[in-house]
Amino acid sequence: MPDITIEAHGAGEMDSPLQGNDNTAGSRVSQTVAGSITAEQVEVSLSAVGAVDVDMLDTRQTFVGLSSSLDANLEDSAVGVLFADVAIAERSTVGVAVTRELRGSNNRSLVLLAGKVDGTIHTALDTRGALLAGLVGGAVIGFILWLGNLVTRKD
């Protein structure tokens, strides 16, 4: 059985191990505040977690600060930064999402960097927008530094 690490900071329920359909070991966390969770598979509900490093993440009505997973299923949840190969989200909010594929409906994201998007994702900055913002920001900063050198140049 693989190692499962949960650093919890509050009252709640933690069941370990959790046997999934493919007999992968994991953990179930409910109504808990955890600093970090490391496992193969974790189901988190009604909780707040600082960082999650798992192969399979399943959340319901949960806040996660930083998530790194192969597969992530988010339902009515919020994630600050999401790194996932495939993410499925329903009625969730993600600050920064970096995924190969994102599917779902009624979701929001501040910055979305995804290879493929299926569904309704409202985003402030998508992949093209992030690239354009980086180019424009770099050009503006470069121009300001160039002007600063012209003004302060001593002959």
N, C-alpha and C. Protein backbone atom coordinates (compact mmCIF):
# COMPACT_ATOMS: atom_id res chain seq x y z
N MET A 1 0.85 -1.18 0.00
CA MET A 1 0.00 0.00 0.00
C MET A 1 0.90 1.25 0.00
N PRO A 2 0.65 2.22 -0.87
CA PRO A 2 1.48 3.42 -0.95
C PRO A 2 1.27 4.32 0.26
N ASP A 3 2.22 5.23 0.45
CA ASP A 3 2.13 6.18 1.56
C ASP A 3 1.05 7.21 1.30
N ILE A 4 0.30 7.53 2.34
CA ILE A 4 -0.72 8.57 2.29
C ILE A 4 -0.38 9.55 3.39
N THR A 5 -0.18 10.81 3.03
CA THR A 5 0.19 11.81 4.01
C THR A 5 -0.86 12.90 4.02
N ILE A 6 -1.45 13.14 5.19
CA ILE A 6 -2.41 14.22 5.36
C ILE A 6 -2.00 15.00 6.59
N GLU A 7 -1.67 16.26 6.41
CA GLU A 7 -1.37 17.14 7.54
C GLU A 7 -2.61 17.96 7.81
N ALA A 8 -3.39 17.56 8.81
CA ALA A 8 -4.67 18.20 9.09
C ALA A 8 -4.54 19.19 10.24
N HIS A 9 -5.35 20.24 10.16
CA HIS A 9 -5.35 21.29 11.18
C HIS A 9 -6.77 21.63 11.58
N GLY A 10 -7.55 20.66 11.95
CA GLY A 10 -8.92 20.98 12.34
C GLY A 10 -9.74 19.73 12.51
N ALA A 11 -10.91 19.93 13.06
CA ALA A 11 -11.81 18.80 13.25
C ALA A 11 -12.38 18.38 11.92
N GLY A 12 -12.61 17.12 11.78
CA GLY A 12 -13.20 16.62 10.56
C GLY A 12 -13.06 15.13 10.50
N GLU A 13 -13.44 14.58 9.36
CA GLU A 13 -13.38 13.15 9.18
C GLU A 13 -12.34 12.81 8.14
N MET A 14 -11.46 11.86 8.47
CA MET A 14 -10.48 11.38 7.52
C MET A 14 -10.50 9.87 7.56
N ASP A 15 -10.82 9.27 6.44
CA ASP A 15 -10.82 7.82 6.33
C ASP A 15 -9.67 7.42 5.43
N SER A 16 -8.92 6.45 5.84
CA SER A 16 -7.81 6.00 5.04
C SER A 16 -7.61 4.52 5.33
N PRO A 17 -7.43 3.65 4.41
CA PRO A 17 -7.37 3.91 2.98
C PRO A 17 -8.75 3.87 2.31
N LEU A 18 -8.78 4.36 1.10
CA LEU A 18 -9.97 4.33 0.25
C LEU A 18 -9.63 3.46 -0.94
N GLN A 19 -10.38 2.44 -1.19
CA GLN A 19 -10.12 1.58 -2.33
C GLN A 19 -11.01 2.01 -3.48
N GLY A 20 -10.40 2.44 -4.59
CA GLY A 20 -11.14 2.86 -5.76
C GLY A 20 -11.53 1.68 -6.62
N ASN A 21 -12.14 1.97 -7.76
CA ASN A 21 -12.57 0.92 -8.67
C ASN A 21 -11.40 0.10 -9.20
N ASP A 22 -10.23 0.72 -9.30
CA ASP A 22 -9.07 0.00 -9.82
C ASP A 22 -8.10 -0.38 -8.71
N ASN A 23 -8.59 -0.43 -7.47
CA ASN A 23 -7.81 -0.82 -6.30
C ASN A 23 -6.62 0.10 -6.03
N THR A 24 -6.70 1.34 -6.44
CA THR A 24 -5.67 2.29 -6.08
C THR A 24 -5.98 2.82 -4.69
N ALA A 25 -4.96 2.92 -3.89
CA ALA A 25 -5.16 3.39 -2.52
C ALA A 25 -5.30 4.89 -2.51
N GLY A 26 -6.12 5.39 -1.61
CA GLY A 26 -6.31 6.82 -1.51
C GLY A 26 -6.89 7.17 -0.17
N SER A 27 -7.50 8.33 -0.10
CA SER A 27 -8.02 8.80 1.16
C SER A 27 -9.28 9.61 0.92
N ARG A 28 -10.15 9.63 1.91
CA ARG A 28 -11.37 10.43 1.86
C ARG A 28 -11.27 11.45 2.99
N VAL A 29 -11.46 12.71 2.66
CA VAL A 29 -11.35 13.79 3.64
C VAL A 29 -12.63 14.60 3.58
N SER A 30 -13.24 14.87 4.75
CA SER A 30 -14.49 15.61 4.78
C SER A 30 -14.48 16.57 5.97
N GLN A 31 -14.93 17.79 5.75
CA GLN A 31 -15.05 18.82 6.79
C GLN A 31 -13.75 18.99 7.57
N THR A 32 -12.66 19.19 6.83
CA THR A 32 -11.34 19.27 7.42
C THR A 32 -10.57 20.44 6.83
N VAL A 33 -9.69 21.01 7.61
CA VAL A 33 -8.72 21.98 7.12
C VAL A 33 -7.37 21.29 7.16
N ALA A 34 -6.76 21.10 5.98
CA ALA A 34 -5.50 20.37 5.89
C ALA A 34 -4.44 21.24 5.24
N GLY A 35 -3.24 21.18 5.75
CA GLY A 35 -2.14 21.91 5.16
C GLY A 35 -1.73 21.32 3.83
N SER A 36 -1.61 19.99 3.79
CA SER A 36 -1.24 19.34 2.53
C SER A 36 -1.74 17.91 2.54
N ILE A 37 -1.97 17.40 1.33
CA ILE A 37 -2.38 16.02 1.14
C ILE A 37 -1.54 15.45 0.02
N THR A 38 -0.94 14.28 0.28
CA THR A 38 -0.18 13.56 -0.73
C THR A 38 -0.70 12.12 -0.74
N ALA A 39 -1.18 11.67 -1.88
CA ALA A 39 -1.71 10.31 -2.00
C ALA A 39 -1.85 9.98 -3.47
N GLU A 40 -2.19 8.72 -3.75
CA GLU A 40 -2.48 8.35 -5.14
C GLU A 40 -3.84 8.89 -5.54
N GLN A 41 -4.82 8.75 -4.64
CA GLN A 41 -6.19 9.16 -4.93
C GLN A 41 -6.76 9.78 -3.68
N VAL A 42 -7.49 10.91 -3.85
CA VAL A 42 -8.11 11.53 -2.68
C VAL A 42 -9.47 12.11 -3.08
N GLU A 43 -10.43 11.91 -2.20
CA GLU A 43 -11.75 12.54 -2.33
C GLU A 43 -11.87 13.53 -1.19
N VAL A 44 -12.13 14.80 -1.53
CA VAL A 44 -12.21 15.85 -0.53
C VAL A 44 -13.56 16.53 -0.66
N SER A 45 -14.26 16.67 0.48
CA SER A 45 -15.54 17.36 0.44
C SER A 45 -15.67 18.29 1.63
N LEU A 46 -16.28 19.44 1.39
CA LEU A 46 -16.55 20.44 2.43
C LEU A 46 -15.30 20.74 3.25
N SER A 47 -14.17 20.96 2.57
CA SER A 47 -12.89 21.14 3.25
C SER A 47 -12.08 22.27 2.62
N ALA A 48 -10.98 22.59 3.29
CA ALA A 48 -10.01 23.54 2.75
C ALA A 48 -8.63 22.89 2.86
N VAL A 49 -7.89 22.90 1.74
CA VAL A 49 -6.59 22.25 1.70
C VAL A 49 -5.59 23.22 1.09
N GLY A 50 -4.43 23.35 1.72
CA GLY A 50 -3.40 24.24 1.19
C GLY A 50 -2.79 23.72 -0.10
N ALA A 51 -2.34 22.46 -0.09
CA ALA A 51 -1.70 21.89 -1.27
C ALA A 51 -2.08 20.42 -1.39
N VAL A 52 -2.31 19.99 -2.64
CA VAL A 52 -2.65 18.59 -2.92
C VAL A 52 -1.71 18.10 -4.01
N ASP A 53 -1.06 16.95 -3.77
CA ASP A 53 -0.20 16.32 -4.77
C ASP A 53 -0.66 14.87 -4.89
N VAL A 54 -1.49 14.60 -5.89
CA VAL A 54 -2.10 13.28 -6.05
C VAL A 54 -2.17 12.90 -7.52
N ASP A 55 -2.44 11.63 -7.77
CA ASP A 55 -2.70 11.19 -9.15
C ASP A 55 -4.15 11.51 -9.54
N MET A 56 -5.08 11.25 -8.61
CA MET A 56 -6.51 11.46 -8.88
C MET A 56 -7.12 12.30 -7.78
N LEU A 57 -7.65 13.47 -8.13
CA LEU A 57 -8.27 14.38 -7.17
C LEU A 57 -9.75 14.49 -7.48
N ASP A 58 -10.58 14.34 -6.44
CA ASP A 58 -12.02 14.47 -6.58
C ASP A 58 -12.49 15.41 -5.47
N THR A 59 -13.03 16.58 -5.82
CA THR A 59 -13.46 17.55 -4.80
C THR A 59 -14.93 17.89 -4.96
N ARG A 60 -15.55 18.15 -3.82
CA ARG A 60 -16.93 18.64 -3.78
C ARG A 60 -17.00 19.72 -2.71
N GLN A 61 -17.39 20.91 -3.12
CA GLN A 61 -17.54 22.05 -2.22
C GLN A 61 -16.30 22.22 -1.34
N THR A 62 -15.17 22.35 -2.01
CA THR A 62 -13.87 22.40 -1.34
C THR A 62 -13.03 23.53 -1.92
N PHE A 63 -12.16 24.11 -1.07
CA PHE A 63 -11.17 25.08 -1.53
C PHE A 63 -9.80 24.42 -1.45
N VAL A 64 -9.04 24.53 -2.55
CA VAL A 64 -7.68 24.01 -2.61
C VAL A 64 -6.78 25.14 -3.08
N GLY A 65 -5.70 25.41 -2.35
CA GLY A 65 -4.78 26.47 -2.75
C GLY A 65 -3.98 26.10 -3.98
N LEU A 66 -3.28 24.95 -3.93
CA LEU A 66 -2.43 24.50 -5.04
C LEU A 66 -2.70 23.02 -5.26
N SER A 67 -3.00 22.66 -6.50
CA SER A 67 -3.29 21.27 -6.82
C SER A 67 -2.43 20.81 -7.98
N SER A 68 -1.77 19.66 -7.78
CA SER A 68 -1.00 19.02 -8.83
C SER A 68 -1.50 17.59 -8.94
N SER A 69 -2.10 17.26 -10.08
CA SER A 69 -2.66 15.91 -10.24
C SER A 69 -2.68 15.52 -11.71
N LEU A 70 -2.78 14.21 -11.95
CA LEU A 70 -2.95 13.75 -13.32
C LEU A 70 -4.38 14.01 -13.77
N ASP A 71 -5.34 13.62 -12.92
CA ASP A 71 -6.76 13.83 -13.22
C ASP A 71 -7.40 14.56 -12.05
N ALA A 72 -8.22 15.55 -12.37
CA ALA A 72 -8.91 16.32 -11.33
C ALA A 72 -10.38 16.44 -11.69
N ASN A 73 -11.24 16.13 -10.72
CA ASN A 73 -12.68 16.32 -10.86
C ASN A 73 -13.10 17.33 -9.81
N LEU A 74 -13.60 18.48 -10.26
CA LEU A 74 -14.01 19.54 -9.35
C LEU A 74 -15.50 19.75 -9.48
N GLU A 75 -16.18 19.78 -8.34
CA GLU A 75 -17.61 20.05 -8.35
C GLU A 75 -17.91 21.09 -7.27
N ASP A 76 -18.43 22.24 -7.68
CA ASP A 76 -18.75 23.34 -6.76
C ASP A 76 -17.55 23.67 -5.87
N SER A 77 -16.36 23.72 -6.47
CA SER A 77 -15.13 23.93 -5.71
C SER A 77 -14.35 25.12 -6.24
N ALA A 78 -13.34 25.53 -5.47
CA ALA A 78 -12.46 26.62 -5.88
C ALA A 78 -11.01 26.17 -5.70
N VAL A 79 -10.19 26.44 -6.72
CA VAL A 79 -8.78 26.07 -6.68
C VAL A 79 -7.97 27.29 -7.08
N GLY A 80 -6.96 27.62 -6.28
CA GLY A 80 -6.11 28.77 -6.59
C GLY A 80 -5.28 28.53 -7.84
N VAL A 81 -4.47 27.46 -7.83
CA VAL A 81 -3.64 27.09 -8.98
C VAL A 81 -3.84 25.61 -9.22
N LEU A 82 -4.20 25.26 -10.46
CA LEU A 82 -4.48 23.87 -10.82
C LEU A 82 -3.52 23.44 -11.92
N PHE A 83 -2.74 22.40 -11.65
CA PHE A 83 -1.92 21.73 -12.66
C PHE A 83 -2.50 20.33 -12.81
N ALA A 84 -2.99 20.00 -13.99
CA ALA A 84 -3.57 18.67 -14.21
C ALA A 84 -3.44 18.29 -15.67
N ASP A 85 -3.35 17.00 -15.91
CA ASP A 85 -3.34 16.51 -17.27
C ASP A 85 -4.75 16.66 -17.85
N VAL A 86 -5.74 16.12 -17.14
CA VAL A 86 -7.14 16.24 -17.54
C VAL A 86 -7.93 16.73 -16.34
N ALA A 87 -8.71 17.79 -16.52
CA ALA A 87 -9.56 18.31 -15.45
C ALA A 87 -11.00 18.35 -15.93
N ILE A 88 -11.90 17.88 -15.07
CA ILE A 88 -13.33 17.96 -15.32
C ILE A 88 -13.91 18.80 -14.21
N ALA A 89 -14.55 19.90 -14.57
CA ALA A 89 -15.04 20.85 -13.57
C ALA A 89 -16.50 21.18 -13.82
N GLU A 90 -17.27 21.23 -12.75
CA GLU A 90 -18.68 21.62 -12.82
C GLU A 90 -18.92 22.70 -11.77
N ARG A 91 -19.37 23.86 -12.22
CA ARG A 91 -19.69 24.98 -11.33
C ARG A 91 -18.55 25.30 -10.37
N SER A 92 -17.33 25.40 -10.92
CA SER A 92 -16.15 25.63 -10.09
C SER A 92 -15.39 26.87 -10.56
N THR A 93 -14.51 27.34 -9.68
CA THR A 93 -13.69 28.51 -9.98
C THR A 93 -12.22 28.14 -9.80
N VAL A 94 -11.39 28.53 -10.78
CA VAL A 94 -9.96 28.26 -10.72
C VAL A 94 -9.23 29.56 -11.02
N GLY A 95 -8.28 29.93 -10.17
CA GLY A 95 -7.50 31.14 -10.41
C GLY A 95 -6.63 30.99 -11.65
N VAL A 96 -5.70 30.04 -11.61
CA VAL A 96 -4.82 29.75 -12.75
C VAL A 96 -4.94 28.26 -13.04
N ALA A 97 -5.34 27.91 -14.25
CA ALA A 97 -5.49 26.51 -14.65
C ALA A 97 -4.50 26.21 -15.77
N VAL A 98 -3.66 25.20 -15.54
CA VAL A 98 -2.72 24.74 -16.55
C VAL A 98 -3.03 23.26 -16.77
N THR A 99 -3.69 22.95 -17.90
CA THR A 99 -4.11 21.58 -18.17
C THR A 99 -3.92 21.25 -19.63
N ARG A 100 -3.80 19.96 -19.90
CA ARG A 100 -3.79 19.50 -21.29
C ARG A 100 -5.21 19.54 -21.83
N GLU A 101 -6.18 19.15 -20.97
CA GLU A 101 -7.58 19.13 -21.39
C GLU A 101 -8.46 19.55 -20.22
N LEU A 102 -9.42 20.43 -20.49
CA LEU A 102 -10.37 20.89 -19.48
C LEU A 102 -11.78 20.72 -20.03
N ARG A 103 -12.63 20.02 -19.26
CA ARG A 103 -14.01 19.79 -19.67
C ARG A 103 -14.92 20.22 -18.53
N GLY A 104 -16.13 20.63 -18.88
CA GLY A 104 -17.10 20.96 -17.85
C GLY A 104 -18.00 22.10 -18.25
N SER A 105 -18.82 22.54 -17.29
CA SER A 105 -19.75 23.62 -17.58
C SER A 105 -19.89 24.54 -16.37
N ASN A 106 -20.24 25.79 -16.68
CA ASN A 106 -20.47 26.81 -15.65
C ASN A 106 -19.26 27.01 -14.75
N ASN A 107 -18.10 27.21 -15.36
CA ASN A 107 -16.86 27.39 -14.61
C ASN A 107 -16.27 28.76 -14.88
N ARG A 108 -15.43 29.20 -13.97
CA ARG A 108 -14.73 30.49 -14.11
C ARG A 108 -13.24 30.28 -13.87
N SER A 109 -12.45 31.06 -14.60
CA SER A 109 -11.00 31.01 -14.44
C SER A 109 -10.42 32.39 -14.71
N LEU A 110 -9.44 32.77 -13.93
CA LEU A 110 -8.76 34.03 -14.17
C LEU A 110 -7.80 33.87 -15.34
N VAL A 111 -6.92 32.87 -15.27
CA VAL A 111 -5.97 32.58 -16.35
C VAL A 111 -6.13 31.10 -16.72
N LEU A 112 -6.34 30.83 -17.99
CA LEU A 112 -6.53 29.47 -18.46
C LEU A 112 -5.51 29.15 -19.54
N LEU A 113 -4.66 28.17 -19.27
CA LEU A 113 -3.70 27.68 -20.25
C LEU A 113 -4.03 26.21 -20.47
N ALA A 114 -4.73 25.92 -21.54
CA ALA A 114 -5.19 24.55 -21.80
C ALA A 114 -5.02 24.21 -23.27
N GLY A 115 -4.65 22.97 -23.53
CA GLY A 115 -4.53 22.51 -24.90
C GLY A 115 -5.88 22.33 -25.56
N LYS A 116 -6.86 21.83 -24.80
CA LYS A 116 -8.19 21.58 -25.34
C LYS A 116 -9.21 21.93 -24.27
N VAL A 117 -10.26 22.65 -24.67
CA VAL A 117 -11.33 23.03 -23.75
C VAL A 117 -12.66 22.61 -24.35
N ASP A 118 -13.42 21.84 -23.57
CA ASP A 118 -14.77 21.43 -23.96
C ASP A 118 -15.73 21.90 -22.88
N GLY A 119 -16.68 22.75 -23.23
CA GLY A 119 -17.67 23.19 -22.27
C GLY A 119 -17.62 24.69 -22.07
N THR A 120 -18.33 25.14 -21.04
CA THR A 120 -18.45 26.56 -20.75
C THR A 120 -17.46 26.97 -19.67
N ILE A 121 -16.43 27.72 -20.06
CA ILE A 121 -15.43 28.22 -19.13
C ILE A 121 -15.33 29.72 -19.37
N HIS A 122 -15.72 30.52 -18.39
CA HIS A 122 -15.59 31.97 -18.49
C HIS A 122 -14.22 32.34 -17.93
N THR A 123 -13.40 32.96 -18.77
CA THR A 123 -12.03 33.26 -18.35
C THR A 123 -11.68 34.70 -18.64
N ALA A 124 -10.87 35.28 -17.77
CA ALA A 124 -10.40 36.64 -17.98
C ALA A 124 -9.24 36.65 -18.97
N LEU A 125 -8.41 35.60 -18.93
CA LEU A 125 -7.22 35.54 -19.78
C LEU A 125 -7.03 34.09 -20.23
N ASP A 126 -7.29 33.82 -21.53
CA ASP A 126 -7.09 32.47 -22.04
C ASP A 126 -5.67 32.34 -22.57
N THR A 127 -5.37 31.23 -23.22
CA THR A 127 -4.00 30.97 -23.69
C THR A 127 -3.51 32.06 -24.64
N ARG A 128 -4.32 32.46 -25.61
CA ARG A 128 -3.93 33.52 -26.55
C ARG A 128 -3.80 34.86 -25.82
N GLY A 129 -4.73 35.13 -24.92
CA GLY A 129 -4.68 36.38 -24.15
C GLY A 129 -3.45 36.46 -23.27
N ALA A 130 -3.07 35.33 -22.64
CA ALA A 130 -1.88 35.31 -21.79
C ALA A 130 -0.62 35.56 -22.62
N LEU A 131 -0.56 34.96 -23.81
CA LEU A 131 0.58 35.19 -24.70
C LEU A 131 0.65 36.65 -25.13
N LEU A 132 -0.47 37.20 -25.53
CA LEU A 132 -0.52 38.60 -25.95
C LEU A 132 -0.17 39.54 -24.79
N ALA A 133 -0.69 39.27 -23.60
CA ALA A 133 -0.38 40.11 -22.43
C ALA A 133 1.11 40.06 -22.11
N GLY A 134 1.71 38.88 -22.23
CA GLY A 134 3.15 38.76 -21.99
C GLY A 134 3.98 39.54 -22.99
N LEU A 135 3.60 39.46 -24.27
CA LEU A 135 4.31 40.20 -25.30
C LEU A 135 4.17 41.71 -25.12
N VAL A 136 2.95 42.16 -24.88
CA VAL A 136 2.71 43.60 -24.70
C VAL A 136 3.41 44.08 -23.42
N GLY A 137 3.28 43.33 -22.34
CA GLY A 137 3.93 43.72 -21.08
C GLY A 137 5.45 43.81 -21.23
N GLY A 138 6.04 42.83 -21.91
CA GLY A 138 7.48 42.85 -22.15
C GLY A 138 7.91 44.03 -23.00
N ALA A 139 7.13 44.33 -24.04
CA ALA A 139 7.45 45.47 -24.90
C ALA A 139 7.35 46.78 -24.13
N VAL A 140 6.32 46.94 -23.31
CA VAL A 140 6.15 48.17 -22.52
C VAL A 140 7.29 48.33 -21.53
N ILE A 141 7.64 47.27 -20.81
CA ILE A 141 8.74 47.36 -19.84
C ILE A 141 10.06 47.65 -20.55
N GLY A 142 10.28 47.00 -21.69
CA GLY A 142 11.50 47.27 -22.46
C GLY A 142 11.57 48.72 -22.93
N PHE A 143 10.44 49.26 -23.39
CA PHE A 143 10.40 50.66 -23.84
C PHE A 143 10.68 51.61 -22.68
N ILE A 144 10.08 51.36 -21.52
CA ILE A 144 10.31 52.22 -20.35
C ILE A 144 11.77 52.17 -19.91
N LEU A 145 12.38 51.00 -19.89
CA LEU A 145 13.80 50.90 -19.53
C LEU A 145 14.68 51.62 -20.56
N TRP A 146 14.34 51.50 -21.84
CA TRP A 146 15.10 52.17 -22.88
C TRP A 146 15.01 53.69 -22.71
N LEU A 147 13.78 54.21 -22.45
CA LEU A 147 13.61 55.65 -22.21
C LEU A 147 14.38 56.09 -20.97
N GLY A 148 14.36 55.26 -19.93
CA GLY A 148 15.11 55.59 -18.71
C GLY A 148 16.60 55.72 -18.98
N ASN A 149 17.13 54.84 -19.82
CA ASN A 149 18.55 54.92 -20.18
C ASN A 149 18.85 56.18 -20.99
N LEU A 150 17.94 56.58 -21.88
CA LEU A 150 18.15 57.79 -22.66
C LEU A 150 18.17 59.03 -21.76
N VAL A 151 17.26 59.07 -20.81
CA VAL A 151 17.15 60.24 -19.93
C VAL A 151 18.33 60.33 -18.97
N THR A 152 18.76 59.22 -18.44
CA THR A 152 19.84 59.26 -17.44
C THR A 152 21.22 59.06 -18.01
N ARG A 153 21.35 58.97 -19.32
CA ARG A 153 22.65 58.75 -19.95
C ARG A 153 23.53 59.98 -19.75
N LYS A 154 24.76 59.75 -19.36
CA LYS A 154 25.73 60.84 -19.19
C LYS A 154 26.76 60.74 -20.29
N ASP A 155 26.94 61.83 -20.99
CA ASP A 155 27.91 61.85 -22.10
C ASP A 155 29.29 62.16 -21.61
